[in-house]
């Protein structure tokens, strides 16, 4: 149907999860981004107007962006410079599709927040386009294509946001290309608190602060924490999870980006959190809690601490670990 419109929602995600730099991530129930897709006239032609039969074909773009809301006009409307547009184009190319597609994007996630905003847009785009085409592409294909959008948005194709945004749950990225994604168990009651201060941190800037080398002692401690966290999730051992939620690699190098980071983390733990760290590259912070009641107390404590240390009016979310990632929805569900 020429007028058919398909809308997909993809949730916010927490990546790194303290000790799992670039390999751990989990999905929240909300907030998230929505992308709607529809067919448009004029897909890929065999030659552009400037091509001749003796020259190689010059493909025309298959994707255009009709509209973006929720971004205050800051995101590029050119598909080749937009994470959702690039991801959608990658999927169409992968499937050998020749029909043109127009996207409309509704940003429910704040920009440069550390909540996987570029991943959510890319994930929602590939799920919407896949459903529009009725292609039923394997999830590995969707991940690979969404990663092309993430590469544009974050500067590199790391899957610790893309994988949970598409698959849901708590995931371990053993390898991004080709995707090797391992779903980890989620202990009953485990609840996340995420507080987004009135700050923005560009992922590329935060990654540049890390450098190219890590002291061996820091790496050994990080590996030990990662193994302990995975084991703690399998055993529903909250005490072990609490001991493992420590980042010796990224957070110490990025701490200066969030004023009062140590005080905010201390407030979370004193209120009952298992642990607290930066969400992705920040400035958002996440805490994991053993139940929803504790999470409510932790959320209040973290919000108060962020107001005191950073100022402004932070956004606070309490969520279980969402078992489902990107999915088809009615428009404006976010």
Protein backbone atom coordinates (compact mmCIF):
# COMPACT_ATOMS: atom_id res chain seq x y z
CA UNK A 1 0.00 0.00 0.00
CA UNK A 2 1.46 3.32 -1.08
CA UNK A 3 0.09 5.15 1.96
CA UNK A 4 1.08 2.53 4.53
CA UNK A 5 3.00 3.89 7.53
CA UNK A 6 4.82 1.71 10.06
CA UNK A 7 6.08 3.12 13.37
CA UNK A 8 8.68 1.55 15.63
CA UNK A 9 9.72 2.46 19.18
CA UNK A 10 13.22 1.80 20.53
CA UNK A 11 14.04 2.31 24.22
CA UNK A 12 16.74 4.17 26.06
CA UNK A 13 19.69 1.99 27.01
CA UNK A 14 22.41 2.04 29.64
CA UNK A 15 25.78 0.97 28.26
CA UNK A 16 29.08 0.04 29.90
CA UNK A 17 27.21 -0.73 33.17
CA UNK A 18 30.29 0.30 35.16
CA UNK A 19 32.69 -2.60 34.56
CA UNK A 20 31.56 -3.54 31.03
CA UNK A 21 33.02 -0.80 28.85
CA UNK A 22 31.74 -1.31 25.29
CA UNK A 23 30.47 -4.84 26.05
CA UNK A 24 27.56 -4.57 28.54
CA UNK A 25 24.22 -2.84 28.15
CA UNK A 26 20.60 -3.05 29.21
CA UNK A 27 17.30 -1.63 28.00
CA UNK A 28 14.87 0.56 29.91
CA UNK A 29 11.10 0.44 29.50
CA UNK A 30 11.06 4.17 28.65
CA UNK A 31 11.81 6.79 27.42
CA UNK A 32 12.75 6.15 23.81
CA UNK A 33 12.65 7.27 20.19
CA UNK A 34 10.07 6.56 17.50
CA UNK A 35 10.66 6.29 13.77
CA UNK A 36 7.88 6.01 11.19
CA UNK A 37 8.56 4.67 7.68
CA UNK A 38 6.57 4.82 4.46
CA UNK A 39 7.21 4.13 0.81
CA UNK A 40 7.87 7.04 -1.55
CA UNK A 41 8.18 7.28 -5.30
CA UNK A 42 11.56 7.01 -6.95
CA UNK A 43 13.88 4.40 -5.52
CA UNK A 44 17.22 3.37 -6.93
CA UNK A 45 17.63 4.01 -10.65
CA UNK A 46 20.23 2.13 -12.71
CA UNK A 47 22.00 5.37 -13.68
CA UNK A 48 21.96 8.96 -12.55
CA UNK A 49 21.29 11.71 -15.07
CA UNK A 50 25.02 12.19 -15.45
CA UNK A 51 25.88 8.56 -16.03
CA UNK A 52 26.43 7.00 -19.44
CA UNK A 53 26.18 3.32 -20.46
CA UNK A 54 29.97 3.09 -20.39
CA UNK A 55 30.25 4.34 -16.81
CA UNK A 56 29.44 2.61 -13.53
CA UNK A 57 25.92 3.13 -12.20
CA UNK A 58 25.50 6.03 -9.79
CA UNK A 59 22.82 4.95 -7.29
CA UNK A 60 20.44 7.54 -5.98
CA UNK A 61 19.66 7.53 -2.24
CA UNK A 62 16.75 5.37 -1.20
CA UNK A 63 16.02 7.18 2.06
CA UNK A 64 14.77 10.65 2.81
CA UNK A 65 13.70 12.25 6.07
CA UNK A 66 10.34 13.98 6.08
CA UNK A 67 10.31 15.32 9.62
CA UNK A 68 12.06 15.28 13.00
CA UNK A 69 10.38 16.39 16.21
CA UNK A 70 11.71 16.66 19.75
CA UNK A 71 15.20 17.79 18.76
CA UNK A 72 14.67 21.58 18.67
CA UNK A 73 15.88 21.55 15.08
CA UNK A 74 19.38 20.34 15.98
CA UNK A 75 19.57 17.03 14.11
CA UNK A 76 20.43 16.87 10.41
CA UNK A 77 17.51 16.35 8.02
CA UNK A 78 19.79 14.94 5.34
CA UNK A 79 19.48 11.13 5.52
CA UNK A 80 23.18 10.52 4.90
CA UNK A 81 24.04 12.61 7.98
CA UNK A 82 21.34 11.22 10.28
CA UNK A 83 21.75 8.01 12.29
CA UNK A 84 18.27 6.75 11.45
CA UNK A 85 18.73 7.56 7.77
CA UNK A 86 22.08 5.81 7.55
CA UNK A 87 20.76 2.72 9.36
CA UNK A 88 17.69 2.54 7.13
CA UNK A 89 19.81 2.92 3.99
CA UNK A 90 22.13 0.15 5.19
CA UNK A 91 19.17 -2.20 5.63
CA UNK A 92 17.74 -1.41 2.20
CA UNK A 93 21.15 -2.02 0.63
CA UNK A 94 21.57 -5.27 2.56
CA UNK A 95 18.19 -6.53 1.35
CA UNK A 96 18.74 -5.41 -2.24
CA UNK A 97 15.63 -3.24 -1.96
CA UNK A 98 15.00 -0.69 -4.72
CA UNK A 99 11.96 1.13 -3.35
CA UNK A 100 12.38 4.52 -1.71
CA UNK A 101 11.49 5.08 1.96
CA UNK A 102 10.70 8.26 3.88
CA UNK A 103 11.27 8.48 7.63
CA UNK A 104 9.70 10.65 10.32
CA UNK A 105 11.58 10.72 13.63
CA UNK A 106 10.18 11.56 17.05
CA UNK A 107 12.99 12.06 19.58
CA UNK A 108 11.90 11.08 23.05
CA UNK A 109 15.48 10.95 24.33
CA UNK A 110 17.52 14.03 25.20
CA UNK A 111 20.52 14.67 22.96
CA UNK A 112 24.04 13.80 24.15
CA UNK A 113 22.61 12.29 27.32
CA UNK A 114 24.40 8.96 27.62
CA UNK A 115 21.09 7.11 27.17
CA UNK A 116 21.76 5.69 23.72
CA UNK A 117 19.90 8.31 21.70
CA UNK A 118 21.67 7.62 18.40
CA UNK A 119 21.26 3.88 18.93
CA UNK A 120 17.54 4.23 19.66
CA UNK A 121 16.93 6.17 16.45
CA UNK A 122 18.96 3.69 14.39
CA UNK A 123 17.27 0.68 16.00
CA UNK A 124 13.78 2.08 15.53
CA UNK A 125 14.58 2.92 11.91
CA UNK A 126 15.68 -0.58 10.93
CA UNK A 127 12.75 -2.21 12.75
CA UNK A 128 10.25 0.16 11.08
CA UNK A 129 11.73 -0.32 7.61
CA UNK A 130 11.98 -4.10 8.06
CA UNK A 131 8.30 -4.23 8.99
CA UNK A 132 7.33 -1.90 6.13
CA UNK A 133 9.05 -4.25 3.69
CA UNK A 134 7.71 -7.34 5.49
CA UNK A 135 11.29 -8.58 5.20
CA UNK A 136 11.68 -10.41 8.55
CA UNK A 137 15.43 -9.84 8.45
CA UNK A 138 17.45 -11.75 11.07
CA UNK A 139 18.28 -9.76 14.19
CA UNK A 140 21.96 -10.04 13.29
CA UNK A 141 21.23 -8.14 10.07
CA UNK A 142 19.26 -5.48 11.94
CA UNK A 143 22.14 -5.06 14.42
CA UNK A 144 24.73 -4.79 11.65
CA UNK A 145 22.72 -2.15 9.78
CA UNK A 146 21.82 -0.18 12.92
CA UNK A 147 25.52 -0.14 13.81
CA UNK A 148 26.17 1.87 10.66
CA UNK A 149 23.93 4.57 12.10
CA UNK A 150 25.67 4.28 15.47
CA UNK A 151 29.03 4.64 13.75
CA UNK A 152 27.88 8.01 12.42
CA UNK A 153 26.34 9.16 15.70
CA UNK A 154 28.97 7.92 18.16
CA UNK A 155 32.10 7.85 16.04
CA UNK A 156 32.55 4.07 16.22
CA UNK A 157 30.41 0.98 15.74
CA UNK A 158 30.20 -0.33 19.30
CA UNK A 159 27.09 -2.41 20.01
CA UNK A 160 26.55 -1.98 23.75
CA UNK A 161 23.63 0.40 23.06
CA UNK A 162 22.44 -1.04 19.74
CA UNK A 163 22.18 -4.62 21.00
CA UNK A 164 19.92 -3.93 24.01
CA UNK A 165 17.95 -1.36 22.00
CA UNK A 166 17.07 -4.10 19.50
CA UNK A 167 17.09 -7.21 21.68
CA UNK A 168 15.94 -5.83 25.03
CA UNK A 169 17.13 -7.23 28.34
CA UNK A 170 20.64 -7.24 29.75
CA UNK A 171 23.20 -8.19 27.10
CA UNK A 172 26.88 -8.96 26.69
CA UNK A 173 28.45 -8.07 23.36
CA UNK A 174 31.13 -10.69 22.77
CA UNK A 175 31.72 -9.32 19.29
CA UNK A 176 30.06 -6.56 17.30
CA UNK A 177 30.95 -7.72 13.78
CA UNK A 178 29.62 -10.20 12.96
CA UNK A 179 27.26 -9.79 15.91
CA UNK A 180 27.67 -12.25 18.77
CA UNK A 181 25.23 -11.07 21.43
CA UNK A 182 24.63 -12.98 24.68
CA UNK A 183 21.49 -12.34 26.71
CA UNK A 184 22.18 -12.40 30.44
CA UNK A 185 19.63 -13.34 33.09
CA UNK A 186 17.95 -10.55 35.06
CA UNK A 187 17.38 -11.32 38.75
CA UNK A 188 13.82 -10.88 39.95
CA UNK A 189 13.26 -7.38 41.29
CA UNK A 190 16.34 -5.80 39.72
CA UNK A 191 15.38 -2.19 39.00
CA UNK A 192 17.29 0.67 37.40
CA UNK A 193 17.29 4.34 38.32
CA UNK A 194 18.58 6.79 35.72
CA UNK A 195 19.07 10.49 36.39
CA UNK A 196 19.86 12.83 33.51
CA UNK A 197 21.40 16.12 34.70
CA UNK A 198 20.95 19.35 32.80
CA UNK A 199 24.17 18.72 30.88
CA UNK A 200 25.24 17.40 27.49
CA UNK A 201 28.34 15.31 26.73
CA UNK A 202 29.18 14.36 23.16
CA UNK A 203 30.20 10.71 22.92
CA UNK A 204 33.14 11.48 20.64
CA UNK A 205 34.53 13.97 23.16
CA UNK A 206 34.12 11.52 26.05
CA UNK A 207 35.82 8.71 24.11
CA UNK A 208 38.74 10.99 23.25
CA UNK A 209 39.42 11.37 26.98
CA UNK A 210 40.16 7.66 27.34
CA UNK A 211 43.33 7.49 25.29
CA UNK A 212 44.62 4.30 23.69
CA UNK A 213 46.25 2.48 26.61
CA UNK A 214 45.12 1.14 29.97
CA UNK A 215 47.39 0.28 32.93
CA UNK A 216 47.54 -3.49 33.37
CA UNK A 217 46.42 -3.30 37.00
CA UNK A 218 43.28 -1.37 35.99
CA UNK A 219 42.52 -3.85 33.21
CA UNK A 220 42.88 -6.83 35.55
CA UNK A 221 40.53 -5.29 38.08
CA UNK A 222 38.01 -4.46 35.34
CA UNK A 223 38.08 -8.03 33.99
CA UNK A 224 37.53 -9.39 37.46
CA UNK A 225 34.57 -7.08 38.05
CA UNK A 226 33.04 -7.97 34.69
CA UNK A 227 33.26 -11.69 35.41
CA UNK A 228 31.83 -11.16 38.89
CA UNK A 229 28.91 -9.09 37.59
CA UNK A 230 27.98 -11.71 34.99
CA UNK A 231 28.17 -14.45 37.65
CA UNK A 232 26.14 -12.30 40.05
CA UNK A 233 23.39 -11.90 37.45
CA UNK A 234 23.28 -15.65 36.88
CA UNK A 235 23.13 -16.40 40.60
CA UNK A 236 20.87 -13.44 41.53
CA UNK A 237 23.62 -12.59 44.02
CA UNK A 238 22.94 -8.93 44.82
CA UNK A 239 25.92 -8.67 47.16
CA UNK A 240 28.27 -9.80 44.39
CA UNK A 241 26.61 -7.47 41.88
CA UNK A 242 27.18 -4.61 44.30
CA UNK A 243 30.88 -5.43 44.67
CA UNK A 244 31.29 -5.73 40.90
CA UNK A 245 29.71 -2.39 39.89
CA UNK A 246 33.04 -0.57 39.72
CA UNK A 247 34.60 1.05 36.65
CA UNK A 248 38.39 1.32 36.66
CA UNK A 249 38.72 2.24 32.97
CA UNK A 250 36.35 4.93 31.71
CA UNK A 251 34.72 6.61 34.69
CA UNK A 252 37.95 7.79 36.39
CA UNK A 253 38.98 9.49 33.15
CA UNK A 254 35.57 11.08 32.59
CA UNK A 255 34.72 12.09 36.16
CA UNK A 256 35.49 15.75 35.51
CA UNK A 257 32.64 15.93 32.99
CA UNK A 258 29.98 15.60 35.71
CA UNK A 259 30.37 17.97 38.69
CA UNK A 260 30.03 16.20 42.02
CA UNK A 261 30.04 12.72 40.50
CA UNK A 262 31.44 11.05 43.62
CA UNK A 263 28.88 12.79 45.86
CA UNK A 264 26.00 11.68 43.62
CA UNK A 265 27.26 8.10 43.62
CA UNK A 266 27.64 8.17 47.39
CA UNK A 267 24.07 9.43 47.81
CA UNK A 268 22.80 6.54 45.66
CA UNK A 269 24.63 3.87 47.63
CA UNK A 270 23.71 5.36 51.01
CA UNK A 271 20.05 5.27 49.89
CA UNK A 272 20.34 1.55 49.18
CA UNK A 273 21.60 1.21 45.60
CA UNK A 274 23.76 -1.78 44.73
CA UNK A 275 26.00 0.58 42.80
CA UNK A 276 26.01 3.73 40.70
CA UNK A 277 28.04 4.84 37.68
CA UNK A 278 27.90 6.86 34.49
CA UNK A 279 25.41 5.69 31.89
CA UNK A 280 27.48 5.32 28.75
CA UNK A 281 29.71 8.35 28.41
CA UNK A 282 27.42 10.43 30.66
CA UNK A 283 26.21 12.82 31.85
CA UNK A 284 23.34 10.54 32.88
CA UNK A 285 23.99 8.30 35.85
CA UNK A 286 22.41 4.93 36.54
CA UNK A 287 21.98 2.94 39.72
CA UNK A 288 20.90 -0.68 40.08
CA UNK A 289 18.62 -1.61 42.97
CA UNK A 290 17.33 -4.90 44.37
CA UNK A 291 13.65 -3.88 44.13
CA UNK A 292 11.32 -1.11 43.02
CA UNK A 293 10.76 0.20 46.57
CA UNK A 294 14.48 0.73 47.07
CA UNK A 295 14.70 2.27 43.61
CA UNK A 296 12.17 4.95 44.55
CA UNK A 297 14.28 5.93 47.57
CA UNK A 298 17.46 5.91 45.50
CA UNK A 299 15.85 8.01 42.77
CA UNK A 300 14.88 10.71 45.27
CA UNK A 301 18.37 10.75 46.79
CA UNK A 302 20.12 10.92 43.42
CA UNK A 303 17.82 13.66 42.14
CA UNK A 304 18.48 15.75 45.24
CA UNK A 305 22.23 15.20 44.91
CA UNK A 306 22.25 16.13 41.23
CA UNK A 307 20.34 19.34 41.94
CA UNK A 308 22.87 20.21 44.65
CA UNK A 309 26.01 19.31 42.69
CA UNK A 310 25.08 20.13 39.09
CA UNK A 311 22.07 22.42 39.40
CA UNK A 312 19.16 22.65 37.03
CA UNK A 313 16.19 20.32 36.87
CA UNK A 314 17.27 16.72 36.17
CA UNK A 315 15.10 14.10 34.52
CA UNK A 316 14.69 10.94 36.61
CA UNK A 317 13.49 7.54 35.44
CA UNK A 318 12.76 4.34 37.36
CA UNK A 319 12.52 1.21 35.24
CA UNK A 320 12.76 -2.52 35.32
CA UNK A 321 15.16 -4.06 32.81
CA UNK A 322 12.93 -4.12 29.72
CA UNK A 323 12.67 -7.64 28.30
CA UNK A 324 11.79 -6.33 24.83
CA UNK A 325 13.72 -3.94 22.63
CA UNK A 326 12.61 -2.08 19.53
CA UNK A 327 9.07 -2.96 18.43
CA UNK A 328 6.22 -1.85 16.21
CA UNK A 329 3.81 0.53 17.95
CA UNK A 330 1.07 3.00 17.21
CA UNK A 331 2.47 6.48 16.45
CA UNK A 332 3.39 8.74 19.39
CA UNK A 333 3.46 5.90 21.93
CA UNK A 334 6.58 7.35 23.53
